[in-house]
């Protein structure tokens, strides 16, 4: 059975923006995040990205643009020596009350069923409480990073009991690789 890592996108892999990442030009990798993904790939982890993309539902960008953004991400990860196996996204707004938008775990459950994953052996890394909560629903091992909205999440100090916290994805990956 493959070992999996689930990553949030904005604020974990790339710089986040309160104005949304609306074009490939706005997608800028956080320093060392691509190398961190490469280290996971080289350690035989499968990597999935699960991301809320309500900018689609809000009309800020369309599916074609999201595909271009993800193509840039996948290309840069590959150039760094890594591989992302799956990218799942929720295009809905919070008002849509869908099952796929984190903190709900619909996309986590879809990934789990598709790959017969043991979520108890899967790490899920995010920068917000909703990332942590979605991971907890499926009993994945949640990790919070301080990049993106991570510092704001920490300042609220809610729902993070017993959650490992790292400065960035690279530090979280370094810790994960010492656990395996």
N, C-alpha and C. Protein backbone atom coordinates (compact mmCIF):
# COMPACT_ATOMS: atom_id res chain seq x y z
N UNK A 1 0.84 -1.19 0.00
CA UNK A 1 0.00 0.00 0.00
C UNK A 1 0.88 1.25 0.00
N UNK A 2 0.55 2.18 -0.85
CA UNK A 2 1.33 3.42 -0.97
C UNK A 2 1.17 4.31 0.25
N UNK A 3 2.23 5.05 0.54
CA UNK A 3 2.18 6.08 1.58
C UNK A 3 1.76 7.38 0.91
N UNK A 4 0.84 8.08 1.55
CA UNK A 4 0.30 9.30 0.97
C UNK A 4 0.53 10.50 1.88
N UNK A 5 0.66 11.66 1.25
CA UNK A 5 0.67 12.96 1.92
C UNK A 5 -0.36 13.81 1.18
N UNK A 6 -1.22 14.47 1.94
CA UNK A 6 -2.21 15.38 1.36
C UNK A 6 -1.79 16.80 1.72
N UNK A 7 -1.71 17.64 0.70
CA UNK A 7 -1.31 19.03 0.91
C UNK A 7 -2.43 19.97 0.50
N UNK A 8 -2.61 21.02 1.30
CA UNK A 8 -3.40 22.15 0.85
C UNK A 8 -2.52 22.90 -0.16
N UNK A 9 -3.11 23.71 -1.01
CA UNK A 9 -2.31 24.41 -2.02
C UNK A 9 -1.90 25.80 -1.54
N UNK A 10 -2.86 26.72 -1.54
CA UNK A 10 -2.54 28.12 -1.23
C UNK A 10 -2.11 28.26 0.22
N UNK A 11 -0.93 28.82 0.43
CA UNK A 11 -0.41 29.02 1.77
C UNK A 11 0.47 27.88 2.25
N UNK A 12 0.48 26.76 1.54
CA UNK A 12 1.33 25.62 1.90
C UNK A 12 2.38 25.42 0.81
N UNK A 13 1.92 25.30 -0.45
CA UNK A 13 2.84 25.13 -1.57
C UNK A 13 3.20 26.49 -2.17
N UNK A 14 2.21 27.33 -2.34
CA UNK A 14 2.41 28.64 -2.95
C UNK A 14 1.94 29.75 -2.03
N UNK A 15 2.41 30.94 -2.33
CA UNK A 15 2.01 32.10 -1.55
C UNK A 15 0.51 32.30 -1.70
N UNK A 16 -0.11 32.67 -0.59
CA UNK A 16 -1.56 32.87 -0.56
C UNK A 16 -1.86 34.35 -0.79
N UNK A 17 -3.10 34.64 -1.11
CA UNK A 17 -3.54 36.02 -1.28
C UNK A 17 -4.99 36.12 -0.85
N UNK A 18 -5.30 37.14 -0.07
CA UNK A 18 -6.70 37.39 0.29
C UNK A 18 -7.52 37.76 -0.94
N UNK A 19 -6.84 38.15 -2.02
CA UNK A 19 -7.51 38.49 -3.28
C UNK A 19 -7.57 37.31 -4.24
N UNK A 20 -7.21 36.10 -3.77
CA UNK A 20 -7.25 34.87 -4.55
C UNK A 20 -6.09 34.81 -5.54
N UNK A 21 -5.71 33.60 -5.87
CA UNK A 21 -4.72 33.35 -6.91
C UNK A 21 -5.54 33.16 -8.19
N UNK A 22 -5.53 34.18 -9.06
CA UNK A 22 -6.45 34.23 -10.20
C UNK A 22 -5.79 33.97 -11.55
N UNK A 23 -4.47 33.75 -11.55
CA UNK A 23 -3.78 33.51 -12.82
C UNK A 23 -2.49 32.74 -12.54
N UNK A 24 -1.95 32.09 -13.57
CA UNK A 24 -0.67 31.41 -13.37
C UNK A 24 0.43 32.36 -12.89
N UNK A 25 0.41 33.61 -13.35
CA UNK A 25 1.43 34.58 -12.92
C UNK A 25 1.37 34.85 -11.42
N UNK A 26 0.17 34.74 -10.84
CA UNK A 26 0.01 35.00 -9.40
C UNK A 26 0.39 33.79 -8.55
N UNK A 27 0.56 32.63 -9.19
CA UNK A 27 0.96 31.42 -8.46
C UNK A 27 2.47 31.44 -8.30
N UNK A 28 2.92 31.69 -7.07
CA UNK A 28 4.35 31.79 -6.77
C UNK A 28 4.66 30.81 -5.63
N UNK A 29 5.56 29.88 -5.90
CA UNK A 29 5.90 28.86 -4.89
C UNK A 29 6.53 29.51 -3.67
N UNK A 30 6.19 29.00 -2.50
CA UNK A 30 6.85 29.39 -1.24
C UNK A 30 8.27 28.82 -1.28
N UNK A 31 9.26 29.58 -0.85
CA UNK A 31 10.64 29.05 -0.88
C UNK A 31 10.73 27.67 -0.23
N UNK A 32 11.40 26.76 -0.91
CA UNK A 32 11.67 25.38 -0.49
C UNK A 32 10.47 24.45 -0.54
N UNK A 33 9.28 24.95 -0.90
CA UNK A 33 8.12 24.04 -0.92
C UNK A 33 8.24 23.01 -2.04
N UNK A 34 8.74 23.40 -3.19
CA UNK A 34 8.87 22.45 -4.30
C UNK A 34 9.91 21.39 -3.97
N UNK A 35 11.00 21.81 -3.34
CA UNK A 35 12.03 20.84 -2.92
C UNK A 35 11.48 19.89 -1.87
N UNK A 36 10.62 20.39 -0.99
CA UNK A 36 10.01 19.54 0.03
C UNK A 36 9.16 18.45 -0.63
N UNK A 37 8.39 18.83 -1.65
CA UNK A 37 7.58 17.85 -2.37
C UNK A 37 8.48 16.84 -3.06
N UNK A 38 9.58 17.32 -3.63
CA UNK A 38 10.54 16.41 -4.28
C UNK A 38 11.10 15.41 -3.28
N UNK A 39 11.41 15.87 -2.07
CA UNK A 39 11.93 14.95 -1.04
C UNK A 39 10.91 13.86 -0.72
N UNK A 40 9.63 14.25 -0.64
CA UNK A 40 8.58 13.25 -0.39
C UNK A 40 8.50 12.25 -1.54
N UNK A 41 8.53 12.74 -2.76
CA UNK A 41 8.47 11.86 -3.92
C UNK A 41 9.64 10.89 -3.92
N UNK A 42 10.82 11.39 -3.63
CA UNK A 42 12.01 10.55 -3.64
C UNK A 42 11.99 9.53 -2.50
N UNK A 43 11.18 9.80 -1.45
CA UNK A 43 11.02 8.85 -0.35
C UNK A 43 9.81 7.93 -0.60
N UNK A 44 9.33 7.92 -1.86
CA UNK A 44 8.24 7.04 -2.30
C UNK A 44 6.88 7.36 -1.70
N UNK A 45 6.65 8.62 -1.36
CA UNK A 45 5.31 9.07 -0.98
C UNK A 45 4.55 9.47 -2.24
N UNK A 46 3.25 9.19 -2.23
CA UNK A 46 2.33 9.73 -3.23
C UNK A 46 1.80 11.04 -2.65
N UNK A 47 1.69 12.05 -3.49
CA UNK A 47 1.25 13.36 -3.01
C UNK A 47 -0.05 13.74 -3.70
N UNK A 48 -1.00 14.17 -2.90
CA UNK A 48 -2.26 14.71 -3.41
C UNK A 48 -2.41 16.14 -2.90
N UNK A 49 -2.99 16.98 -3.72
CA UNK A 49 -3.33 18.34 -3.32
C UNK A 49 -4.85 18.41 -3.26
N UNK A 50 -5.37 18.87 -2.12
CA UNK A 50 -6.80 19.11 -1.97
C UNK A 50 -6.96 20.58 -1.59
N UNK A 51 -7.69 21.31 -2.43
CA UNK A 51 -7.74 22.76 -2.27
C UNK A 51 -9.14 23.31 -2.49
N UNK A 52 -9.53 24.23 -1.64
CA UNK A 52 -10.76 25.00 -1.85
C UNK A 52 -10.45 26.09 -2.88
N UNK A 53 -11.25 26.17 -3.91
CA UNK A 53 -11.06 27.19 -4.95
C UNK A 53 -12.38 27.92 -5.21
N UNK A 54 -12.87 28.60 -4.18
CA UNK A 54 -14.15 29.29 -4.31
C UNK A 54 -14.09 30.47 -5.27
N UNK A 55 -12.89 30.86 -5.70
CA UNK A 55 -12.78 31.91 -6.72
C UNK A 55 -13.51 31.53 -8.00
N UNK A 56 -13.64 30.23 -8.26
CA UNK A 56 -14.41 29.79 -9.43
C UNK A 56 -15.88 30.11 -9.21
N UNK A 57 -16.41 29.69 -8.07
CA UNK A 57 -17.82 29.94 -7.76
C UNK A 57 -18.15 31.42 -7.63
N UNK A 58 -17.15 32.22 -7.28
CA UNK A 58 -17.35 33.66 -7.15
C UNK A 58 -17.16 34.39 -8.48
N UNK A 59 -16.71 33.65 -9.51
CA UNK A 59 -16.53 34.25 -10.83
C UNK A 59 -15.21 35.01 -11.00
N UNK A 60 -14.24 34.81 -10.12
CA UNK A 60 -12.96 35.52 -10.23
C UNK A 60 -12.06 34.92 -11.31
N UNK A 61 -12.23 33.63 -11.59
CA UNK A 61 -11.49 32.94 -12.64
C UNK A 61 -12.30 31.71 -13.02
N UNK A 62 -11.94 31.11 -14.14
CA UNK A 62 -12.71 29.95 -14.63
C UNK A 62 -11.88 28.67 -14.54
N UNK A 63 -12.51 27.56 -14.93
CA UNK A 63 -11.84 26.25 -14.85
C UNK A 63 -10.60 26.18 -15.74
N UNK A 64 -10.65 26.83 -16.89
CA UNK A 64 -9.49 26.85 -17.77
C UNK A 64 -8.29 27.52 -17.08
N UNK A 65 -8.55 28.62 -16.41
CA UNK A 65 -7.49 29.32 -15.69
C UNK A 65 -6.96 28.46 -14.55
N UNK A 66 -7.86 27.80 -13.82
CA UNK A 66 -7.42 26.91 -12.73
C UNK A 66 -6.54 25.79 -13.29
N UNK A 67 -6.92 25.25 -14.43
CA UNK A 67 -6.11 24.21 -15.07
C UNK A 67 -4.72 24.75 -15.41
N UNK A 68 -4.64 25.96 -15.91
CA UNK A 68 -3.35 26.58 -16.22
C UNK A 68 -2.50 26.78 -14.96
N UNK A 69 -3.15 27.21 -13.87
CA UNK A 69 -2.44 27.40 -12.60
C UNK A 69 -1.89 26.06 -12.13
N UNK A 70 -2.71 25.02 -12.18
CA UNK A 70 -2.26 23.71 -11.72
C UNK A 70 -1.19 23.14 -12.65
N UNK A 71 -1.27 23.42 -13.93
CA UNK A 71 -0.21 22.99 -14.85
C UNK A 71 1.12 23.63 -14.45
N UNK A 72 1.09 24.90 -14.11
CA UNK A 72 2.33 25.58 -13.67
C UNK A 72 2.86 24.92 -12.41
N UNK A 73 1.98 24.65 -11.45
CA UNK A 73 2.40 24.01 -10.20
C UNK A 73 3.01 22.63 -10.48
N UNK A 74 2.32 21.81 -11.26
CA UNK A 74 2.80 20.46 -11.54
C UNK A 74 4.13 20.48 -12.30
N UNK A 75 4.27 21.41 -13.22
CA UNK A 75 5.51 21.53 -13.98
C UNK A 75 6.67 21.92 -13.07
N UNK A 76 6.45 22.91 -12.20
CA UNK A 76 7.52 23.34 -11.31
C UNK A 76 7.89 22.25 -10.30
N UNK A 77 6.90 21.51 -9.82
CA UNK A 77 7.19 20.39 -8.91
C UNK A 77 8.03 19.35 -9.65
N UNK A 78 7.65 19.04 -10.88
CA UNK A 78 8.39 18.05 -11.67
C UNK A 78 9.82 18.53 -11.93
N UNK A 79 9.98 19.81 -12.24
CA UNK A 79 11.32 20.35 -12.48
C UNK A 79 12.20 20.27 -11.23
N UNK A 80 11.57 20.29 -10.06
CA UNK A 80 12.31 20.19 -8.79
C UNK A 80 12.59 18.72 -8.43
N UNK A 81 12.05 17.78 -9.22
CA UNK A 81 12.29 16.37 -8.95
C UNK A 81 11.18 15.67 -8.21
N UNK A 82 10.01 16.29 -8.15
CA UNK A 82 8.87 15.72 -7.43
C UNK A 82 7.72 15.38 -8.36
N UNK A 83 6.68 14.80 -7.77
CA UNK A 83 5.49 14.45 -8.54
C UNK A 83 4.27 14.55 -7.65
N UNK A 84 3.25 15.22 -8.14
CA UNK A 84 1.95 15.27 -7.48
C UNK A 84 1.04 14.32 -8.25
N UNK A 85 0.49 13.32 -7.56
CA UNK A 85 -0.31 12.29 -8.21
C UNK A 85 -1.75 12.72 -8.47
N UNK A 86 -2.30 13.54 -7.60
CA UNK A 86 -3.70 13.95 -7.72
C UNK A 86 -3.85 15.40 -7.28
N UNK A 87 -4.71 16.14 -7.98
CA UNK A 87 -5.12 17.47 -7.55
C UNK A 87 -6.64 17.47 -7.55
N UNK A 88 -7.22 17.64 -6.37
CA UNK A 88 -8.67 17.71 -6.21
C UNK A 88 -9.02 19.10 -5.69
N UNK A 89 -10.09 19.67 -6.22
CA UNK A 89 -10.45 21.02 -5.81
C UNK A 89 -11.96 21.14 -5.64
N UNK A 90 -12.35 22.02 -4.74
CA UNK A 90 -13.75 22.38 -4.56
C UNK A 90 -13.96 23.75 -5.20
N UNK A 91 -14.82 23.85 -6.21
CA UNK A 91 -15.05 25.13 -6.87
C UNK A 91 -16.16 25.97 -6.23
N UNK A 92 -16.73 25.46 -5.16
CA UNK A 92 -17.94 26.07 -4.58
C UNK A 92 -17.62 27.19 -3.59
N UNK A 93 -18.60 28.04 -3.36
CA UNK A 93 -18.48 29.07 -2.32
C UNK A 93 -18.97 28.48 -1.00
N UNK A 94 -18.65 29.13 0.12
CA UNK A 94 -19.14 28.62 1.40
C UNK A 94 -20.68 28.53 1.45
N UNK A 95 -21.37 29.41 0.73
CA UNK A 95 -22.83 29.41 0.75
C UNK A 95 -23.44 28.23 0.01
N UNK A 96 -22.66 27.53 -0.82
CA UNK A 96 -23.18 26.40 -1.58
C UNK A 96 -23.45 25.18 -0.70
N UNK A 97 -22.85 25.14 0.48
CA UNK A 97 -23.06 24.03 1.42
C UNK A 97 -22.81 22.67 0.77
N UNK A 98 -21.74 22.57 0.01
CA UNK A 98 -21.39 21.31 -0.65
C UNK A 98 -20.67 20.39 0.34
N UNK A 99 -20.41 19.18 -0.09
CA UNK A 99 -19.70 18.22 0.76
C UNK A 99 -18.20 18.22 0.51
N UNK A 100 -17.76 18.92 -0.55
CA UNK A 100 -16.34 18.86 -0.90
C UNK A 100 -15.53 20.02 -0.33
N UNK A 101 -16.17 21.07 0.13
CA UNK A 101 -15.43 22.24 0.63
C UNK A 101 -14.95 21.98 2.06
N UNK A 102 -13.62 22.10 2.25
CA UNK A 102 -13.09 21.95 3.61
C UNK A 102 -13.69 23.06 4.49
N UNK A 103 -14.11 22.77 5.70
CA UNK A 103 -13.70 21.68 6.58
C UNK A 103 -14.45 20.35 6.38
N UNK A 104 -15.40 20.29 5.46
CA UNK A 104 -16.01 19.00 5.17
C UNK A 104 -14.98 18.14 4.44
N UNK A 105 -15.17 16.85 4.47
CA UNK A 105 -14.11 15.94 4.03
C UNK A 105 -14.45 15.17 2.76
N UNK A 106 -15.36 15.68 1.95
CA UNK A 106 -15.77 14.96 0.75
C UNK A 106 -14.63 14.61 -0.19
N UNK A 107 -13.71 15.56 -0.42
CA UNK A 107 -12.60 15.28 -1.32
C UNK A 107 -11.60 14.32 -0.69
N UNK A 108 -11.42 14.41 0.63
CA UNK A 108 -10.57 13.45 1.34
C UNK A 108 -11.16 12.04 1.19
N UNK A 109 -12.48 11.92 1.35
CA UNK A 109 -13.13 10.62 1.24
C UNK A 109 -13.06 10.08 -0.18
N UNK A 110 -13.18 10.96 -1.16
CA UNK A 110 -13.07 10.55 -2.57
C UNK A 110 -11.66 9.99 -2.83
N UNK A 111 -10.65 10.68 -2.36
CA UNK A 111 -9.27 10.23 -2.53
C UNK A 111 -9.05 8.89 -1.82
N UNK A 112 -9.57 8.79 -0.61
CA UNK A 112 -9.42 7.57 0.19
C UNK A 112 -10.04 6.38 -0.54
N UNK A 113 -11.24 6.56 -1.07
CA UNK A 113 -11.91 5.46 -1.78
C UNK A 113 -11.20 5.10 -3.07
N UNK A 114 -10.77 6.11 -3.82
CA UNK A 114 -10.12 5.87 -5.11
C UNK A 114 -8.83 5.07 -4.96
N UNK A 115 -8.07 5.34 -3.90
CA UNK A 115 -6.76 4.72 -3.74
C UNK A 115 -6.70 3.73 -2.57
N UNK A 116 -7.85 3.45 -1.95
CA UNK A 116 -7.87 2.51 -0.81
C UNK A 116 -6.82 2.90 0.23
N UNK A 117 -6.81 4.19 0.58
CA UNK A 117 -5.79 4.73 1.48
C UNK A 117 -6.09 4.40 2.93
N UNK A 118 -5.04 4.19 3.69
CA UNK A 118 -5.14 4.08 5.14
C UNK A 118 -4.93 5.48 5.69
N UNK A 119 -6.01 6.17 5.99
CA UNK A 119 -5.90 7.57 6.42
C UNK A 119 -5.15 7.70 7.74
N UNK A 120 -5.18 6.68 8.57
CA UNK A 120 -4.44 6.74 9.82
C UNK A 120 -2.93 6.82 9.60
N UNK A 121 -2.47 6.41 8.42
CA UNK A 121 -1.05 6.47 8.07
C UNK A 121 -0.75 7.63 7.10
N UNK A 122 -1.74 8.50 6.91
CA UNK A 122 -1.62 9.60 5.95
C UNK A 122 -1.49 10.92 6.68
N UNK A 123 -0.52 11.72 6.27
CA UNK A 123 -0.37 13.07 6.81
C UNK A 123 -1.10 14.04 5.90
N UNK A 124 -1.74 15.05 6.50
CA UNK A 124 -2.43 16.10 5.76
C UNK A 124 -1.91 17.44 6.29
N UNK A 125 -1.31 18.22 5.41
CA UNK A 125 -0.65 19.45 5.81
C UNK A 125 -1.42 20.65 5.27
N UNK A 126 -1.78 21.54 6.18
CA UNK A 126 -2.52 22.74 5.79
C UNK A 126 -2.09 23.94 6.60
N UNK A 127 -2.68 25.09 6.25
CA UNK A 127 -2.35 26.34 6.93
C UNK A 127 -3.56 26.96 7.62
N UNK A 128 -4.68 26.21 7.67
CA UNK A 128 -5.88 26.78 8.29
C UNK A 128 -6.59 25.72 9.14
N UNK A 129 -7.45 26.20 10.02
CA UNK A 129 -8.21 25.28 10.87
C UNK A 129 -9.08 24.36 10.02
N UNK A 130 -9.65 24.86 8.93
CA UNK A 130 -10.50 24.00 8.10
C UNK A 130 -9.71 22.86 7.48
N UNK A 131 -8.42 23.08 7.18
CA UNK A 131 -7.58 21.98 6.68
C UNK A 131 -7.42 20.91 7.76
N UNK A 132 -7.14 21.35 8.98
CA UNK A 132 -6.98 20.45 10.11
C UNK A 132 -8.28 19.68 10.35
N UNK A 133 -9.40 20.39 10.35
CA UNK A 133 -10.69 19.75 10.63
C UNK A 133 -11.05 18.70 9.58
N UNK A 134 -10.81 18.99 8.31
CA UNK A 134 -11.12 18.01 7.26
C UNK A 134 -10.26 16.76 7.44
N UNK A 135 -8.99 16.95 7.77
CA UNK A 135 -8.11 15.80 8.01
C UNK A 135 -8.61 14.97 9.19
N UNK A 136 -9.05 15.66 10.24
CA UNK A 136 -9.51 14.96 11.44
C UNK A 136 -10.78 14.13 11.17
N UNK A 137 -11.65 14.62 10.29
CA UNK A 137 -12.87 13.87 9.97
C UNK A 137 -12.54 12.47 9.46
N UNK A 138 -11.48 12.37 8.64
CA UNK A 138 -11.11 11.08 8.06
C UNK A 138 -9.99 10.40 8.85
N UNK A 139 -9.63 10.99 9.97
CA UNK A 139 -8.62 10.46 10.89
C UNK A 139 -7.22 10.42 10.27
N UNK A 140 -6.95 11.37 9.36
CA UNK A 140 -5.59 11.56 8.86
C UNK A 140 -4.80 12.32 9.92
N UNK A 141 -3.49 12.27 9.83
CA UNK A 141 -2.62 12.95 10.78
C UNK A 141 -2.40 14.39 10.32
N UNK A 142 -3.11 15.32 10.94
CA UNK A 142 -3.06 16.73 10.54
C UNK A 142 -1.78 17.40 11.03
N UNK A 143 -1.26 18.28 10.18
CA UNK A 143 -0.11 19.11 10.51
C UNK A 143 -0.45 20.53 10.05
N UNK A 144 -0.10 21.51 10.87
CA UNK A 144 -0.31 22.92 10.51
C UNK A 144 1.04 23.55 10.20
N UNK A 145 1.09 24.33 9.13
CA UNK A 145 2.28 25.13 8.84
C UNK A 145 1.94 26.60 9.06
N UNK A 146 2.96 27.38 9.41
CA UNK A 146 2.76 28.80 9.75
C UNK A 146 2.72 29.71 8.53
N UNK A 147 3.04 29.17 7.35
CA UNK A 147 2.97 29.97 6.14
C UNK A 147 1.51 30.23 5.79
N UNK A 148 1.27 31.07 4.80
CA UNK A 148 -0.10 31.36 4.39
C UNK A 148 -0.89 31.96 5.54
N UNK A 149 -2.01 31.30 5.87
CA UNK A 149 -2.86 31.75 6.97
C UNK A 149 -2.52 31.05 8.29
N UNK A 150 -1.41 30.34 8.32
CA UNK A 150 -1.03 29.57 9.50
C UNK A 150 -0.84 30.40 10.75
N UNK A 151 -0.18 31.54 10.64
CA UNK A 151 0.02 32.40 11.82
C UNK A 151 -1.32 32.90 12.35
N UNK A 152 -2.23 33.28 11.45
CA UNK A 152 -3.57 33.73 11.88
C UNK A 152 -4.32 32.59 12.56
N UNK A 153 -4.18 31.39 12.02
CA UNK A 153 -4.83 30.22 12.60
C UNK A 153 -4.30 29.97 14.00
N UNK A 154 -2.99 30.06 14.16
CA UNK A 154 -2.37 29.87 15.47
C UNK A 154 -2.84 30.91 16.48
N UNK A 155 -2.96 32.15 16.03
CA UNK A 155 -3.35 33.25 16.93
C UNK A 155 -4.74 33.01 17.52
N UNK A 156 -5.62 32.35 16.77
CA UNK A 156 -6.97 32.06 17.28
C UNK A 156 -6.94 30.96 18.33
N UNK A 157 -5.91 30.10 18.25
CA UNK A 157 -5.68 29.06 19.26
C UNK A 157 -6.92 28.20 19.53
N UNK A 158 -7.57 27.76 18.46
CA UNK A 158 -8.75 26.91 18.60
C UNK A 158 -8.60 25.67 17.74
N UNK A 159 -8.87 24.52 18.30
CA UNK A 159 -8.91 23.29 17.53
C UNK A 159 -7.57 22.73 17.12
N UNK A 160 -6.50 23.19 17.77
CA UNK A 160 -5.17 22.75 17.38
C UNK A 160 -4.49 21.88 18.44
N UNK A 161 -5.26 21.39 19.39
CA UNK A 161 -4.69 20.56 20.43
C UNK A 161 -4.03 19.33 19.81
N UNK A 162 -2.82 19.05 20.20
CA UNK A 162 -2.06 17.87 19.74
C UNK A 162 -1.78 17.86 18.24
N UNK A 163 -1.83 19.01 17.60
CA UNK A 163 -1.51 19.11 16.18
C UNK A 163 -0.07 19.59 16.05
N UNK A 164 0.80 18.84 15.37
CA UNK A 164 2.16 19.33 15.14
C UNK A 164 2.14 20.61 14.29
N UNK A 165 3.00 21.54 14.66
CA UNK A 165 3.05 22.84 13.97
C UNK A 165 4.48 23.10 13.54
N UNK A 166 4.65 23.46 12.26
CA UNK A 166 5.97 23.73 11.70
C UNK A 166 5.96 25.07 10.98
N UNK A 167 7.15 25.65 10.82
CA UNK A 167 7.25 26.96 10.18
C UNK A 167 6.80 26.92 8.72
N UNK A 168 7.07 25.80 8.03
CA UNK A 168 6.75 25.72 6.60
C UNK A 168 6.69 24.26 6.17
N UNK A 169 6.36 24.05 4.91
CA UNK A 169 6.23 22.70 4.38
C UNK A 169 7.55 21.93 4.48
N UNK A 170 8.66 22.59 4.19
CA UNK A 170 9.95 21.92 4.22
C UNK A 170 10.24 21.36 5.62
N UNK A 171 9.97 22.14 6.66
CA UNK A 171 10.20 21.64 8.02
C UNK A 171 9.26 20.49 8.36
N UNK A 172 8.01 20.59 7.93
CA UNK A 172 7.05 19.51 8.19
C UNK A 172 7.50 18.23 7.49
N UNK A 173 7.97 18.34 6.26
CA UNK A 173 8.43 17.18 5.51
C UNK A 173 9.66 16.57 6.18
N UNK A 174 10.57 17.40 6.62
CA UNK A 174 11.77 16.89 7.31
C UNK A 174 11.35 16.05 8.52
N UNK A 175 10.36 16.53 9.28
CA UNK A 175 9.86 15.77 10.43
C UNK A 175 9.20 14.47 9.98
N UNK A 176 8.34 14.54 8.96
CA UNK A 176 7.66 13.33 8.47
C UNK A 176 8.68 12.27 8.08
N UNK A 177 9.72 12.68 7.39
CA UNK A 177 10.70 11.72 6.89
C UNK A 177 11.49 11.07 8.04
N UNK A 178 11.54 11.72 9.18
CA UNK A 178 12.18 11.09 10.34
C UNK A 178 11.24 10.09 11.02
N UNK A 179 9.95 10.14 10.70
CA UNK A 179 8.96 9.25 11.32
C UNK A 179 8.83 7.94 10.56
N UNK A 180 9.27 7.92 9.30
CA UNK A 180 9.01 6.72 8.48
C UNK A 180 10.18 5.77 8.46
